[in-house]
Amino acid sequence: MQDFILNVTRQALFLVLAVSAPVLLAALVVGLLISVLQAATQIQEQTLSFVPKVVAVALALAVSASWMGGQLTRFTTALWASIPLVGR
């Protein structure tokens, strides 16, 4: 029983990391590029990086939404299918 819970928890944490990675990486890359641009031009406007990050995150979500949904659906289906096996 404890092994099952640990395995499901490990899978869930890995799934969270995998599903959030595209969005976080898009925001990270755009933020880094904007920071380099700000350092090169000496424009220190704090709100300058907000709009490109929002656009990048929206694009990352639009591109990877079906993959994210598929991963979450597969995990949930496997979890529900393994419920009868928990007591064994």
N, C-alpha and C. Protein backbone atom coordinates (compact mmCIF):
# COMPACT_ATOMS: atom_id res chain seq x y z
N MET A 1 0.83 -1.19 0.00
CA MET A 1 0.00 0.00 0.00
C MET A 1 0.88 1.26 0.00
N GLN A 2 1.90 1.24 0.85
CA GLN A 2 2.79 2.39 0.94
C GLN A 2 3.58 2.57 -0.36
N ASP A 3 3.97 1.47 -0.97
CA ASP A 3 4.69 1.54 -2.24
C ASP A 3 3.82 2.15 -3.33
N PHE A 4 2.54 1.79 -3.32
CA PHE A 4 1.60 2.33 -4.30
C PHE A 4 1.48 3.84 -4.14
N ILE A 5 1.33 4.29 -2.91
CA ILE A 5 1.18 5.72 -2.65
C ILE A 5 2.44 6.48 -3.04
N LEU A 6 3.59 5.93 -2.70
CA LEU A 6 4.85 6.57 -3.09
C LEU A 6 5.02 6.62 -4.61
N ASN A 7 4.64 5.56 -5.28
CA ASN A 7 4.74 5.51 -6.74
C ASN A 7 3.81 6.53 -7.39
N VAL A 8 2.58 6.61 -6.92
CA VAL A 8 1.63 7.57 -7.48
C VAL A 8 2.09 9.00 -7.20
N THR A 9 2.60 9.24 -6.02
CA THR A 9 3.09 10.58 -5.67
C THR A 9 4.28 10.95 -6.55
N ARG A 10 5.19 10.01 -6.76
CA ARG A 10 6.35 10.26 -7.61
C ARG A 10 5.91 10.57 -9.04
N GLN A 11 4.97 9.79 -9.56
CA GLN A 11 4.46 10.02 -10.90
C GLN A 11 3.75 11.37 -11.01
N ALA A 12 2.98 11.72 -9.99
CA ALA A 12 2.26 13.00 -10.01
C ALA A 12 3.22 14.18 -9.98
N LEU A 13 4.26 14.10 -9.17
CA LEU A 13 5.24 15.19 -9.11
C LEU A 13 6.00 15.32 -10.43
N PHE A 14 6.37 14.20 -11.03
CA PHE A 14 7.03 14.25 -12.32
C PHE A 14 6.11 14.83 -13.38
N LEU A 15 4.84 14.46 -13.33
CA LEU A 15 3.86 14.99 -14.29
C LEU A 15 3.70 16.50 -14.13
N VAL A 16 3.67 16.98 -12.91
CA VAL A 16 3.57 18.43 -12.68
C VAL A 16 4.78 19.15 -13.27
N LEU A 17 5.96 18.60 -13.07
CA LEU A 17 7.17 19.20 -13.64
C LEU A 17 7.13 19.18 -15.16
N ALA A 18 6.72 18.05 -15.74
CA ALA A 18 6.70 17.94 -17.19
C ALA A 18 5.66 18.85 -17.83
N VAL A 19 4.49 18.95 -17.21
CA VAL A 19 3.41 19.76 -17.78
C VAL A 19 3.69 21.25 -17.63
N SER A 20 4.33 21.64 -16.56
CA SER A 20 4.61 23.06 -16.37
C SER A 20 5.86 23.54 -17.09
N ALA A 21 6.70 22.63 -17.54
CA ALA A 21 7.97 22.99 -18.16
C ALA A 21 7.84 23.87 -19.40
N PRO A 22 6.96 23.58 -20.36
CA PRO A 22 6.91 24.44 -21.55
C PRO A 22 6.57 25.90 -21.23
N VAL A 23 5.64 26.10 -20.34
CA VAL A 23 5.23 27.46 -19.98
C VAL A 23 6.35 28.17 -19.22
N LEU A 24 6.94 27.49 -18.28
CA LEU A 24 8.02 28.09 -17.50
C LEU A 24 9.25 28.39 -18.36
N LEU A 25 9.57 27.48 -19.26
CA LEU A 25 10.72 27.71 -20.14
C LEU A 25 10.48 28.88 -21.09
N ALA A 26 9.25 29.00 -21.59
CA ALA A 26 8.93 30.13 -22.48
C ALA A 26 9.08 31.45 -21.73
N ALA A 27 8.55 31.51 -20.52
CA ALA A 27 8.67 32.74 -19.72
C ALA A 27 10.13 33.02 -19.37
N LEU A 28 10.89 31.98 -19.08
CA LEU A 28 12.30 32.15 -18.74
C LEU A 28 13.11 32.68 -19.92
N VAL A 29 12.91 32.11 -21.08
CA VAL A 29 13.67 32.53 -22.27
C VAL A 29 13.32 33.96 -22.65
N VAL A 30 12.04 34.29 -22.66
CA VAL A 30 11.63 35.65 -23.01
C VAL A 30 12.13 36.64 -21.96
N GLY A 31 12.05 36.30 -20.71
CA GLY A 31 12.55 37.18 -19.66
C GLY A 31 14.03 37.42 -19.78
N LEU A 32 14.78 36.36 -20.11
CA LEU A 32 16.22 36.51 -20.29
C LEU A 32 16.55 37.40 -21.49
N LEU A 33 15.84 37.19 -22.59
CA LEU A 33 16.08 38.03 -23.77
C LEU A 33 15.74 39.50 -23.51
N ILE A 34 14.65 39.74 -22.83
CA ILE A 34 14.26 41.12 -22.51
C ILE A 34 15.28 41.74 -21.56
N SER A 35 15.78 40.96 -20.61
CA SER A 35 16.79 41.48 -19.68
C SER A 35 18.08 41.85 -20.40
N VAL A 36 18.49 41.02 -21.34
CA VAL A 36 19.70 41.33 -22.12
C VAL A 36 19.47 42.58 -22.95
N LEU A 37 18.29 42.69 -23.56
CA LEU A 37 17.95 43.88 -24.34
C LEU A 37 17.93 45.13 -23.47
N GLN A 38 17.37 45.02 -22.28
CA GLN A 38 17.34 46.17 -21.37
C GLN A 38 18.75 46.55 -20.92
N ALA A 39 19.59 45.57 -20.67
CA ALA A 39 20.95 45.87 -20.25
C ALA A 39 21.75 46.51 -21.39
N ALA A 40 21.50 46.06 -22.61
CA ALA A 40 22.24 46.60 -23.75
C ALA A 40 21.80 48.03 -24.08
N THR A 41 20.51 48.32 -23.92
CA THR A 41 20.01 49.65 -24.27
C THR A 41 19.90 50.57 -23.07
N GLN A 42 20.15 50.05 -21.89
CA GLN A 42 20.05 50.81 -20.64
C GLN A 42 18.66 51.36 -20.40
N ILE A 43 17.66 50.67 -20.92
CA ILE A 43 16.26 51.00 -20.61
C ILE A 43 15.86 50.14 -19.42
N GLN A 44 15.55 50.76 -18.32
CA GLN A 44 15.24 50.02 -17.09
C GLN A 44 13.76 50.12 -16.74
N GLU A 45 12.91 49.93 -17.70
CA GLU A 45 11.46 49.97 -17.48
C GLU A 45 11.00 48.59 -17.00
N GLN A 46 10.40 48.53 -15.82
CA GLN A 46 10.00 47.25 -15.23
C GLN A 46 8.85 46.59 -16.00
N THR A 47 7.98 47.40 -16.58
CA THR A 47 6.81 46.83 -17.25
C THR A 47 7.11 46.38 -18.67
N LEU A 48 8.30 46.64 -19.18
CA LEU A 48 8.65 46.28 -20.55
C LEU A 48 8.63 44.77 -20.78
N SER A 49 8.97 44.00 -19.80
CA SER A 49 9.04 42.55 -19.98
C SER A 49 7.69 41.86 -19.75
N PHE A 50 6.71 42.57 -19.25
CA PHE A 50 5.44 41.93 -18.90
C PHE A 50 4.68 41.44 -20.14
N VAL A 51 4.49 42.30 -21.12
CA VAL A 51 3.70 41.94 -22.30
C VAL A 51 4.36 40.81 -23.10
N PRO A 52 5.65 40.86 -23.40
CA PRO A 52 6.24 39.72 -24.13
C PRO A 52 6.15 38.41 -23.37
N LYS A 53 6.28 38.46 -22.04
CA LYS A 53 6.14 37.22 -21.26
C LYS A 53 4.73 36.67 -21.34
N VAL A 54 3.74 37.55 -21.25
CA VAL A 54 2.34 37.09 -21.34
C VAL A 54 2.07 36.47 -22.70
N VAL A 55 2.58 37.10 -23.76
CA VAL A 55 2.39 36.57 -25.10
C VAL A 55 3.09 35.22 -25.24
N ALA A 56 4.31 35.11 -24.73
CA ALA A 56 5.06 33.85 -24.83
C ALA A 56 4.38 32.73 -24.05
N VAL A 57 3.87 33.06 -22.88
CA VAL A 57 3.17 32.04 -22.08
C VAL A 57 1.88 31.62 -22.78
N ALA A 58 1.15 32.56 -23.35
CA ALA A 58 -0.08 32.23 -24.08
C ALA A 58 0.23 31.35 -25.28
N LEU A 59 1.29 31.67 -26.01
CA LEU A 59 1.68 30.83 -27.16
C LEU A 59 2.12 29.44 -26.71
N ALA A 60 2.88 29.38 -25.63
CA ALA A 60 3.31 28.07 -25.12
C ALA A 60 2.11 27.23 -24.68
N LEU A 61 1.14 27.87 -24.05
CA LEU A 61 -0.07 27.15 -23.67
C LEU A 61 -0.86 26.70 -24.89
N ALA A 62 -0.96 27.56 -25.90
CA ALA A 62 -1.71 27.20 -27.10
C ALA A 62 -1.05 26.04 -27.84
N VAL A 63 0.27 26.04 -27.89
CA VAL A 63 0.99 24.99 -28.61
C VAL A 63 0.97 23.68 -27.84
N SER A 64 1.12 23.72 -26.55
CA SER A 64 1.27 22.48 -25.78
C SER A 64 0.02 22.08 -24.99
N ALA A 65 -1.08 22.74 -25.20
CA ALA A 65 -2.29 22.42 -24.41
C ALA A 65 -2.80 21.01 -24.67
N SER A 66 -2.80 20.58 -25.93
CA SER A 66 -3.30 19.23 -26.22
C SER A 66 -2.38 18.17 -25.62
N TRP A 67 -1.08 18.40 -25.67
CA TRP A 67 -0.15 17.46 -25.06
C TRP A 67 -0.34 17.42 -23.54
N MET A 68 -0.50 18.60 -22.92
CA MET A 68 -0.73 18.66 -21.48
C MET A 68 -2.00 17.91 -21.09
N GLY A 69 -3.06 18.18 -21.85
CA GLY A 69 -4.33 17.50 -21.57
C GLY A 69 -4.22 16.00 -21.72
N GLY A 70 -3.50 15.55 -22.73
CA GLY A 70 -3.30 14.11 -22.93
C GLY A 70 -2.54 13.47 -21.80
N GLN A 71 -1.49 14.15 -21.34
CA GLN A 71 -0.71 13.63 -20.22
C GLN A 71 -1.56 13.54 -18.95
N LEU A 72 -2.31 14.58 -18.68
CA LEU A 72 -3.15 14.58 -17.48
C LEU A 72 -4.25 13.53 -17.58
N THR A 73 -4.83 13.37 -18.77
CA THR A 73 -5.87 12.36 -18.96
C THR A 73 -5.32 10.96 -18.78
N ARG A 74 -4.13 10.70 -19.36
CA ARG A 74 -3.52 9.38 -19.21
C ARG A 74 -3.23 9.05 -17.75
N PHE A 75 -2.70 10.03 -17.02
CA PHE A 75 -2.39 9.81 -15.61
C PHE A 75 -3.66 9.54 -14.81
N THR A 76 -4.68 10.35 -15.05
CA THR A 76 -5.93 10.18 -14.32
C THR A 76 -6.59 8.85 -14.63
N THR A 77 -6.58 8.45 -15.89
CA THR A 77 -7.16 7.16 -16.29
C THR A 77 -6.41 6.01 -15.63
N ALA A 78 -5.09 6.08 -15.63
CA ALA A 78 -4.29 5.03 -14.98
C ALA A 78 -4.54 5.00 -13.48
N LEU A 79 -4.70 6.17 -12.88
CA LEU A 79 -4.95 6.22 -11.45
C LEU A 79 -6.29 5.61 -11.10
N TRP A 80 -7.32 5.95 -11.86
CA TRP A 80 -8.64 5.37 -11.62
C TRP A 80 -8.65 3.87 -11.88
N ALA A 81 -7.92 3.43 -12.88
CA ALA A 81 -7.87 2.00 -13.18
C ALA A 81 -7.14 1.22 -12.10
N SER A 82 -6.24 1.85 -11.38
CA SER A 82 -5.48 1.14 -10.35
C SER A 82 -6.15 1.14 -8.99
N ILE A 83 -7.29 1.80 -8.85
CA ILE A 83 -7.98 1.83 -7.55
C ILE A 83 -8.35 0.43 -7.05
N PRO A 84 -8.87 -0.48 -7.91
CA PRO A 84 -9.18 -1.82 -7.38
C PRO A 84 -7.95 -2.59 -6.92
N LEU A 85 -6.78 -2.23 -7.39
CA LEU A 85 -5.58 -2.95 -7.02
C LEU A 85 -4.94 -2.45 -5.73
N VAL A 86 -5.49 -1.39 -5.15
CA VAL A 86 -4.87 -0.78 -3.96
C VAL A 86 -4.91 -1.71 -2.77
N GLY A 87 -5.97 -2.42 -2.55
CA GLY A 87 -6.10 -3.26 -1.38
C GLY A 87 -5.30 -4.55 -1.44
N ARG A 88 -4.78 -4.89 -2.58
CA ARG A 88 -4.06 -6.17 -2.72
C ARG A 88 -2.64 -6.09 -2.30
